[in-house]
Amino acid sequence: MNGYSEECLRTFLKEQGKLFDEPVAENLEEAEAFLEDCMAVVVDSLEEVREYFEEEGVDVDGMAPEDLEEVSEVFPLPDGKYLIVEG
């Protein structure tokens, strides 16, 4: 595992059901491969989550930080960072 922390991979494995109807990964290696394939990113703050979506052309004007955290593509990590996975 080199691109994503173990904590990040474990969070994705546990929470992947909020974005996908069926599991896309069964273990840490599959989770890492999936996240690399879809070019998932880890950002440091909700402000960076907002910037990411704005750069992708998603209208997030007027969304409160709490609302951004609830978007299905956003996975809050235990260390305070955020994983963003395009579904």
PDB file of N, CA and C in Angstrom:
ATOM      1  N   MET A   1       0.846  -1.189   0.000  1.00  0.00           N
ATOM      2  CA  MET A   1       0.000   0.000   0.000  1.00  0.00           C
ATOM      3  C   MET A   1       0.885   1.243   0.000  1.00  0.00           C
ATOM      4  N   ASN A   2       0.805   2.013  -1.055  1.00  0.00           N
ATOM      5  CA  ASN A   2       1.656   3.189  -1.098  1.00  0.00           C
ATOM      6  C   ASN A   2       0.895   4.486  -1.306  1.00  0.00           C
ATOM      7  N   GLY A   3      -0.205   4.489  -2.031  1.00  0.00           N
ATOM      8  CA  GLY A   3      -0.882   5.729  -2.335  1.00  0.00           C
ATOM      9  C   GLY A   3      -1.854   6.209  -1.282  1.00  0.00           C
ATOM     10  N   TYR A   4      -2.472   5.299  -0.562  1.00  0.00           N
ATOM     11  CA  TYR A   4      -3.497   5.644   0.419  1.00  0.00           C
ATOM     12  C   TYR A   4      -3.124   5.014   1.760  1.00  0.00           C
ATOM     13  N   SER A   5      -3.404   5.713   2.845  1.00  0.00           N
ATOM     14  CA  SER A   5      -3.098   5.176   4.168  1.00  0.00           C
ATOM     15  C   SER A   5      -3.999   3.974   4.457  1.00  0.00           C
ATOM     16  N   GLU A   6      -3.556   3.134   5.351  1.00  0.00           N
ATOM     17  CA  GLU A   6      -4.371   1.982   5.746  1.00  0.00           C
ATOM     18  C   GLU A   6      -5.695   2.459   6.340  1.00  0.00           C
ATOM     19  N   GLU A   7      -5.642   3.531   7.112  1.00  0.00           N
ATOM     20  CA  GLU A   7      -6.844   4.113   7.702  1.00  0.00           C
ATOM     21  C   GLU A   7      -7.837   4.539   6.614  1.00  0.00           C
ATOM     22  N   CYS A   8      -7.331   5.113   5.550  1.00  0.00           N
ATOM     23  CA  CYS A   8      -8.156   5.541   4.424  1.00  0.00           C
ATOM     24  C   CYS A   8      -8.809   4.331   3.758  1.00  0.00           C
ATOM     25  N   LEU A   9      -8.022   3.298   3.504  1.00  0.00           N
ATOM     26  CA  LEU A   9      -8.535   2.103   2.851  1.00  0.00           C
ATOM     27  C   LEU A   9      -9.584   1.412   3.717  1.00  0.00           C
ATOM     28  N   ARG A  10      -9.327   1.320   5.007  1.00  0.00           N
ATOM     29  CA  ARG A  10     -10.290   0.682   5.917  1.00  0.00           C
ATOM     30  C   ARG A  10     -11.607   1.474   5.964  1.00  0.00           C
ATOM     31  N   THR A  11     -11.512   2.791   5.969  1.00  0.00           N
ATOM     32  CA  THR A  11     -12.713   3.631   5.966  1.00  0.00           C
ATOM     33  C   THR A  11     -13.509   3.394   4.694  1.00  0.00           C
ATOM     34  N   PHE A  12     -12.827   3.359   3.552  1.00  0.00           N
ATOM     35  CA  PHE A  12     -13.518   3.123   2.291  1.00  0.00           C
ATOM     36  C   PHE A  12     -14.194   1.752   2.288  1.00  0.00           C
ATOM     37  N   LEU A  13     -13.485   0.727   2.726  1.00  0.00           N
ATOM     38  CA  LEU A  13     -14.071  -0.619   2.768  1.00  0.00           C
ATOM     39  C   LEU A  13     -15.342  -0.637   3.618  1.00  0.00           C
ATOM     40  N   LYS A  14     -15.287   0.010   4.762  1.00  0.00           N
ATOM     41  CA  LYS A  14     -16.410   0.015   5.689  1.00  0.00           C
ATOM     42  C   LYS A  14     -17.594   0.819   5.155  1.00  0.00           C
ATOM     43  N   GLU A  15     -17.301   1.934   4.478  1.00  0.00           N
ATOM     44  CA  GLU A  15     -18.351   2.883   4.091  1.00  0.00           C
ATOM     45  C   GLU A  15     -18.723   2.850   2.604  1.00  0.00           C
ATOM     46  N   GLN A  16     -18.141   1.953   1.813  1.00  0.00           N
ATOM     47  CA  GLN A  16     -18.373   1.977   0.367  1.00  0.00           C
ATOM     48  C   GLN A  16     -19.847   1.845  -0.020  1.00  0.00           C
ATOM     49  N   GLY A  17     -20.654   1.281   0.853  1.00  0.00           N
ATOM     50  CA  GLY A  17     -22.080   1.124   0.577  1.00  0.00           C
ATOM     51  C   GLY A  17     -22.843   2.431   0.447  1.00  0.00           C
ATOM     52  N   LYS A  18     -22.287   3.532   0.951  1.00  0.00           N
ATOM     53  CA  LYS A  18     -22.990   4.811   0.810  1.00  0.00           C
ATOM     54  C   LYS A  18     -22.887   5.347  -0.617  1.00  0.00           C
ATOM     55  N   LEU A  19     -21.947   4.817  -1.397  1.00  0.00           N
ATOM     56  CA  LEU A  19     -21.769   5.277  -2.773  1.00  0.00           C
ATOM     57  C   LEU A  19     -22.142   4.207  -3.793  1.00  0.00           C
ATOM     58  N   PHE A  20     -21.932   2.943  -3.439  1.00  0.00           N
ATOM     59  CA  PHE A  20     -22.158   1.850  -4.388  1.00  0.00           C
ATOM     60  C   PHE A  20     -23.195   0.868  -3.844  1.00  0.00           C
ATOM     61  N   ASP A  21     -24.040   0.345  -4.745  1.00  0.00           N
ATOM     62  CA  ASP A  21     -25.069  -0.611  -4.346  1.00  0.00           C
ATOM     63  C   ASP A  21     -24.468  -1.950  -3.927  1.00  0.00           C
ATOM     64  N   GLU A  22     -23.374  -2.328  -4.579  1.00  0.00           N
ATOM     65  CA  GLU A  22     -22.698  -3.579  -4.261  1.00  0.00           C
ATOM     66  C   GLU A  22     -21.243  -3.267  -3.931  1.00  0.00           C
ATOM     67  N   PRO A  23     -20.612  -4.076  -3.084  1.00  0.00           N
ATOM     68  CA  PRO A  23     -19.198  -3.830  -2.757  1.00  0.00           C
ATOM     69  C   PRO A  23     -18.309  -3.848  -4.001  1.00  0.00           C
ATOM     70  N   VAL A  24     -17.390  -2.900  -4.051  1.00  0.00           N
ATOM     71  CA  VAL A  24     -16.433  -2.855  -5.159  1.00  0.00           C
ATOM     72  C   VAL A  24     -15.071  -3.388  -4.721  1.00  0.00           C
ATOM     73  N   ALA A  25     -14.923  -3.616  -3.411  1.00  0.00           N
ATOM     74  CA  ALA A  25     -13.667  -4.139  -2.870  1.00  0.00           C
ATOM     75  C   ALA A  25     -13.978  -4.979  -1.635  1.00  0.00           C
ATOM     76  N   GLU A  26     -13.218  -6.059  -1.489  1.00  0.00           N
ATOM     77  CA  GLU A  26     -13.417  -6.964  -0.355  1.00  0.00           C
ATOM     78  C   GLU A  26     -12.286  -6.901   0.664  1.00  0.00           C
ATOM     79  N   ASN A  27     -11.130  -6.347   0.258  1.00  0.00           N
ATOM     80  CA  ASN A  27      -9.980  -6.288   1.167  1.00  0.00           C
ATOM     81  C   ASN A  27      -9.165  -5.035   0.865  1.00  0.00           C
ATOM     82  N   LEU A  28      -8.116  -4.818   1.648  1.00  0.00           N
ATOM     83  CA  LEU A  28      -7.324  -3.586   1.501  1.00  0.00           C
ATOM     84  C   LEU A  28      -6.690  -3.462   0.119  1.00  0.00           C
ATOM     85  N   GLU A  29      -6.188  -4.569  -0.413  1.00  0.00           N
ATOM     86  CA  GLU A  29      -5.535  -4.526  -1.729  1.00  0.00           C
ATOM     87  C   GLU A  29      -6.529  -4.149  -2.823  1.00  0.00           C
ATOM     88  N   GLU A  30      -7.722  -4.745  -2.773  1.00  0.00           N
ATOM     89  CA  GLU A  30      -8.751  -4.410  -3.766  1.00  0.00           C
ATOM     90  C   GLU A  30      -9.211  -2.962  -3.606  1.00  0.00           C
ATOM     91  N   ALA A  31      -9.311  -2.506  -2.372  1.00  0.00           N
ATOM     92  CA  ALA A  31      -9.714  -1.118  -2.130  1.00  0.00           C
ATOM     93  C   ALA A  31      -8.694  -0.158  -2.720  1.00  0.00           C
ATOM     94  N   GLU A  32      -7.418  -0.450  -2.489  1.00  0.00           N
ATOM     95  CA  GLU A  32      -6.377   0.423  -3.025  1.00  0.00           C
ATOM     96  C   GLU A  32      -6.397   0.429  -4.549  1.00  0.00           C
ATOM     97  N   ALA A  33      -6.527  -0.744  -5.154  1.00  0.00           N
ATOM     98  CA  ALA A  33      -6.570  -0.829  -6.620  1.00  0.00           C
ATOM     99  C   ALA A  33      -7.763  -0.051  -7.165  1.00  0.00           C
ATOM    100  N   PHE A  34      -8.916  -0.184  -6.526  1.00  0.00           N
ATOM    101  CA  PHE A  34     -10.100   0.528  -6.984  1.00  0.00           C
ATOM    102  C   PHE A  34      -9.908   2.034  -6.876  1.00  0.00           C
ATOM    103  N   LEU A  35      -9.418   2.491  -5.724  1.00  0.00           N
ATOM    104  CA  LEU A  35      -9.230   3.934  -5.528  1.00  0.00           C
ATOM    105  C   LEU A  35      -8.212   4.493  -6.514  1.00  0.00           C
ATOM    106  N   GLU A  36      -7.165   3.739  -6.794  1.00  0.00           N
ATOM    107  CA  GLU A  36      -6.182   4.188  -7.786  1.00  0.00           C
ATOM    108  C   GLU A  36      -6.810   4.256  -9.170  1.00  0.00           C
ATOM    109  N   ASP A  37      -7.606   3.244  -9.537  1.00  0.00           N
ATOM    110  CA  ASP A  37      -8.242   3.205 -10.857  1.00  0.00           C
ATOM    111  C   ASP A  37      -9.178   4.387 -11.076  1.00  0.00           C
ATOM    112  N   CYS A  38      -9.905   4.769 -10.035  1.00  0.00           N
ATOM    113  CA  CYS A  38     -10.847   5.884 -10.211  1.00  0.00           C
ATOM    114  C   CYS A  38     -10.239   7.222  -9.794  1.00  0.00           C
ATOM    115  N   MET A  39      -8.932   7.215  -9.523  1.00  0.00           N
ATOM    116  CA  MET A  39      -8.190   8.423  -9.182  1.00  0.00           C
ATOM    117  C   MET A  39      -8.817   9.189  -8.017  1.00  0.00           C
ATOM    118  N   ALA A  40      -9.173   8.457  -6.976  1.00  0.00           N
ATOM    119  CA  ALA A  40      -9.709   9.078  -5.770  1.00  0.00           C
ATOM    120  C   ALA A  40      -8.637   9.968  -5.147  1.00  0.00           C
ATOM    121  N   VAL A  41      -9.079  11.014  -4.485  1.00  0.00           N
ATOM    122  CA  VAL A  41      -8.138  11.949  -3.877  1.00  0.00           C
ATOM    123  C   VAL A  41      -8.426  12.102  -2.387  1.00  0.00           C
ATOM    124  N   VAL A  42      -7.382  12.424  -1.648  1.00  0.00           N
ATOM    125  CA  VAL A  42      -7.510  12.735  -0.226  1.00  0.00           C
ATOM    126  C   VAL A  42      -7.168  14.212  -0.072  1.00  0.00           C
ATOM    127  N   VAL A  43      -8.068  14.942   0.597  1.00  0.00           N
ATOM    128  CA  VAL A  43      -7.840  16.368   0.835  1.00  0.00           C
ATOM    129  C   VAL A  43      -7.861  16.624   2.335  1.00  0.00           C
ATOM    130  N   ASP A  44      -7.329  17.773   2.729  1.00  0.00           N
ATOM    131  CA  ASP A  44      -7.120  18.072   4.142  1.00  0.00           C
ATOM    132  C   ASP A  44      -8.303  18.714   4.856  1.00  0.00           C
ATOM    133  N   SER A  45      -9.251  19.286   4.110  1.00  0.00           N
ATOM    134  CA  SER A  45     -10.319  20.034   4.775  1.00  0.00           C
ATOM    135  C   SER A  45     -11.579  20.065   3.914  1.00  0.00           C
ATOM    136  N   LEU A  46     -12.674  20.487   4.532  1.00  0.00           N
ATOM    137  CA  LEU A  46     -13.918  20.632   3.770  1.00  0.00           C
ATOM    138  C   LEU A  46     -13.801  21.756   2.744  1.00  0.00           C
ATOM    139  N   GLU A  47     -12.965  22.752   3.025  1.00  0.00           N
ATOM    140  CA  GLU A  47     -12.732  23.812   2.035  1.00  0.00           C
ATOM    141  C   GLU A  47     -12.087  23.216   0.779  1.00  0.00           C
ATOM    142  N   GLU A  48     -11.176  22.276   0.966  1.00  0.00           N
ATOM    143  CA  GLU A  48     -10.557  21.613  -0.185  1.00  0.00           C
ATOM    144  C   GLU A  48     -11.543  20.691  -0.892  1.00  0.00           C
ATOM    145  N   VAL A  49     -12.487  20.114  -0.150  1.00  0.00           N
ATOM    146  CA  VAL A  49     -13.560  19.331  -0.779  1.00  0.00           C
ATOM    147  C   VAL A  49     -14.356  20.257  -1.690  1.00  0.00           C
ATOM    148  N   ARG A  50     -14.717  21.451  -1.183  1.00  0.00           N
ATOM    149  CA  ARG A  50     -15.463  22.433  -1.976  1.00  0.00           C
ATOM    150  C   ARG A  50     -14.675  22.815  -3.238  1.00  0.00           C
ATOM    151  N   GLU A  51     -13.381  23.103  -3.076  1.00  0.00           N
ATOM    152  CA  GLU A  51     -12.541  23.481  -4.218  1.00  0.00           C
ATOM    153  C   GLU A  51     -12.488  22.356  -5.249  1.00  0.00           C
ATOM    154  N   TYR A  52     -12.374  21.118  -4.787  1.00  0.00           N
ATOM    155  CA  TYR A  52     -12.334  19.972  -5.700  1.00  0.00           C
ATOM    156  C   TYR A  52     -13.609  19.918  -6.537  1.00  0.00           C
ATOM    157  N   PHE A  53     -14.765  20.005  -5.893  1.00  0.00           N
ATOM    158  CA  PHE A  53     -16.023  19.930  -6.626  1.00  0.00           C
ATOM    159  C   PHE A  53     -16.188  21.111  -7.570  1.00  0.00           C
ATOM    160  N   GLU A  54     -15.772  22.307  -7.152  1.00  0.00           N
ATOM    161  CA  GLU A  54     -15.853  23.470  -8.040  1.00  0.00           C
ATOM    162  C   GLU A  54     -14.993  23.267  -9.275  1.00  0.00           C
ATOM    163  N   GLU A  55     -13.775  22.716  -9.095  1.00  0.00           N
ATOM    164  CA  GLU A  55     -12.894  22.445 -10.232  1.00  0.00           C
ATOM    165  C   GLU A  55     -13.491  21.409 -11.179  1.00  0.00           C
ATOM    166  N   GLU A  56     -14.293  20.487 -10.625  1.00  0.00           N
ATOM    167  CA  GLU A  56     -14.939  19.452 -11.428  1.00  0.00           C
ATOM    168  C   GLU A  56     -16.240  19.937 -12.061  1.00  0.00           C
ATOM    169  N   GLY A  57     -16.622  21.177 -11.785  1.00  0.00           N
ATOM    170  CA  GLY A  57     -17.827  21.744 -12.374  1.00  0.00           C
ATOM    171  C   GLY A  57     -19.108  21.431 -11.626  1.00  0.00           C
ATOM    172  N   VAL A  58     -18.995  20.967 -10.392  1.00  0.00           N
ATOM    173  CA  VAL A  58     -20.171  20.670  -9.576  1.00  0.00           C
ATOM    174  C   VAL A  58     -20.600  21.944  -8.851  1.00  0.00           C
ATOM    175  N   ASP A  59     -21.886  22.248  -8.898  1.00  0.00           N
ATOM    176  CA  ASP A  59     -22.403  23.444  -8.238  1.00  0.00           C
ATOM    177  C   ASP A  59     -22.539  23.174  -6.739  1.00  0.00           C
ATOM    178  N   VAL A  60     -21.654  23.765  -5.964  1.00  0.00           N
ATOM    179  CA  VAL A  60     -21.699  23.607  -4.508  1.00  0.00           C
ATOM    180  C   VAL A  60     -21.964  24.942  -3.818  1.00  0.00           C
ATOM    181  N   ASP A  61     -22.312  25.969  -4.606  1.00  0.00           N
ATOM    182  CA  ASP A  61     -22.641  27.275  -4.019  1.00  0.00           C
ATOM    183  C   ASP A  61     -23.798  27.120  -3.049  1.00  0.00           C
ATOM    184  N   GLY A  62     -23.658  27.712  -1.903  1.00  0.00           N
ATOM    185  CA  GLY A  62     -24.718  27.673  -0.913  1.00  0.00           C
ATOM    186  C   GLY A  62     -24.734  26.425  -0.052  1.00  0.00           C
ATOM    187  N   MET A  63     -23.880  25.466  -0.343  1.00  0.00           N
ATOM    188  CA  MET A  63     -23.840  24.255   0.486  1.00  0.00           C
ATOM    189  C   MET A  63     -23.031  24.529   1.744  1.00  0.00           C
ATOM    190  N   ALA A  64     -23.605  24.194   2.880  1.00  0.00           N
ATOM    191  CA  ALA A  64     -22.904  24.330   4.151  1.00  0.00           C
ATOM    192  C   ALA A  64     -21.826  23.252   4.251  1.00  0.00           C
ATOM    193  N   PRO A  65     -20.780  23.495   5.028  1.00  0.00           N
ATOM    194  CA  PRO A  65     -19.740  22.474   5.195  1.00  0.00           C
ATOM    195  C   PRO A  65     -20.308  21.117   5.614  1.00  0.00           C
ATOM    196  N   GLU A  66     -21.309  21.116   6.485  1.00  0.00           N
ATOM    197  CA  GLU A  66     -21.914  19.858   6.933  1.00  0.00           C
ATOM    198  C   GLU A  66     -22.564  19.122   5.758  1.00  0.00           C
ATOM    199  N   ASP A  67     -23.136  19.892   4.818  1.00  0.00           N
ATOM    200  CA  ASP A  67     -23.765  19.285   3.644  1.00  0.00           C
ATOM    201  C   ASP A  67     -22.710  18.653   2.740  1.00  0.00           C
ATOM    202  N   LEU A  68     -21.570  19.321   2.586  1.00  0.00           N
ATOM    203  CA  LEU A  68     -20.483  18.758   1.774  1.00  0.00           C
ATOM    204  C   LEU A  68     -20.012  17.429   2.341  1.00  0.00           C
ATOM    205  N   GLU A  69     -19.960  17.360   3.657  1.00  0.00           N
ATOM    206  CA  GLU A  69     -19.495  16.140   4.314  1.00  0.00           C
ATOM    207  C   GLU A  69     -20.456  14.974   4.084  1.00  0.00           C
ATOM    208  N   GLU A  70     -21.713  15.280   3.796  1.00  0.00           N
ATOM    209  CA  GLU A  70     -22.729  14.244   3.596  1.00  0.00           C
ATOM    210  C   GLU A  70     -22.849  13.778   2.147  1.00  0.00           C
ATOM    211  N   VAL A  71     -22.161  14.430   1.211  1.00  0.00           N
ATOM    212  CA  VAL A  71     -22.213  14.029  -0.190  1.00  0.00           C
ATOM    213  C   VAL A  71     -21.697  12.597  -0.299  1.00  0.00           C
ATOM    214  N   SER A  72     -22.378  11.763  -1.102  1.00  0.00           N
ATOM    215  CA  SER A  72     -22.047  10.328  -1.143  1.00  0.00           C
ATOM    216  C   SER A  72     -20.615  10.056  -1.598  1.00  0.00           C
ATOM    217  N   GLU A  73     -20.010  10.943  -2.358  1.00  0.00           N
ATOM    218  CA  GLU A  73     -18.633  10.742  -2.823  1.00  0.00           C
ATOM    219  C   GLU A  73     -17.583  11.117  -1.787  1.00  0.00           C
ATOM    220  N   VAL A  74     -18.004  11.715  -0.686  1.00  0.00           N
ATOM    221  CA  VAL A  74     -17.071  12.206   0.337  1.00  0.00           C
ATOM    222  C   VAL A  74     -17.070  11.262   1.538  1.00  0.00           C
ATOM    223  N   PHE A  75     -15.880  10.802   1.886  1.00  0.00           N
ATOM    224  CA  PHE A  75     -15.713   9.894   3.013  1.00  0.00           C
ATOM    225  C   PHE A  75     -14.842  10.578   4.069  1.00  0.00           C
ATOM    226  N   PRO A  76     -15.436  11.028   5.185  1.00  0.00           N
ATOM    227  CA  PRO A  76     -14.621  11.613   6.253  1.00  0.00           C
ATOM    228  C   PRO A  76     -13.686  10.546   6.840  1.00  0.00           C
ATOM    229  N   LEU A  77     -12.437  10.903   7.031  1.00  0.00           N
ATOM    230  CA  LEU A  77     -11.441   9.980   7.575  1.00  0.00           C
ATOM    231  C   LEU A  77     -11.198  10.293   9.047  1.00  0.00           C
ATOM    232  N   PRO A  78     -10.797   9.290   9.822  1.00  0.00           N
ATOM    233  CA  PRO A  78     -10.578   9.499  11.255  1.00  0.00           C
ATOM    234  C   PRO A  78      -9.558  10.584  11.587  1.00  0.00           C
ATOM    235  N   ASP A  79      -8.616  10.841  10.693  1.00  0.00           N
ATOM    236  CA  ASP A  79      -7.583  11.846  10.979  1.00  0.00           C
ATOM    237  C   ASP A  79      -8.007  13.263  10.606  1.00  0.00           C
ATOM    238  N   GLY A  80      -9.279  13.447  10.209  1.00  0.00           N
ATOM    239  CA  GLY A  80      -9.777  14.771   9.876  1.00  0.00           C
ATOM    240  C   GLY A  80      -9.692  15.124   8.404  1.00  0.00           C
ATOM    241  N   LYS A  81      -9.088  14.261   7.604  1.00  0.00           N
ATOM    242  CA  LYS A  81      -9.022  14.482   6.161  1.00  0.00           C
ATOM    243  C   LYS A  81     -10.258  13.881   5.508  1.00  0.00           C
ATOM    244  N   TYR A  82     -10.351  14.027   4.189  1.00  0.00           N
ATOM    245  CA  TYR A  82     -11.505  13.550   3.447  1.00  0.00           C
ATOM    246  C   TYR A  82     -11.058  12.829   2.184  1.00  0.00           C
ATOM    247  N   LEU A  83     -11.642  11.649   1.954  1.00  0.00           N
ATOM    248  CA  LEU A  83     -11.439  10.898   0.729  1.00  0.00           C
ATOM    249  C   LEU A  83     -12.572  11.230  -0.207  1.00  0.00           C
ATOM    250  N   ILE A  84     -12.251  11.579  -1.454  1.00  0.00           N
ATOM    251  CA  ILE A  84     -13.271  11.876  -2.461  1.00  0.00           C
ATOM    252  C   ILE A  84     -13.160  10.808  -3.545  1.00  0.00           C
ATOM    253  N   VAL A  85     -14.276  10.095  -3.766  1.00  0.00           N
ATOM    254  CA  VAL A  85     -14.323   9.002  -4.741  1.00  0.00           C
ATOM    255  C   VAL A  85     -15.400   9.315  -5.751  1.00  0.00           C
ATOM    256  N   GLU A  86     -15.018   9.421  -7.022  1.00  0.00           N
ATOM    257  CA  GLU A  86     -16.011   9.627  -8.078  1.00  0.00           C
ATOM    258  C   GLU A  86     -16.653   8.282  -8.392  1.00  0.00           C
ATOM    259  N   GLY A  87     -17.968   8.199  -8.236  1.00  0.00           N
ATOM    260  CA  GLY A  87     -18.670   6.934  -8.382  1.00  0.00           C
ATOM    261  C   GLY A  87     -18.962   6.508  -9.770  1.00  0.00           C
TER     262      GLY A  87
END
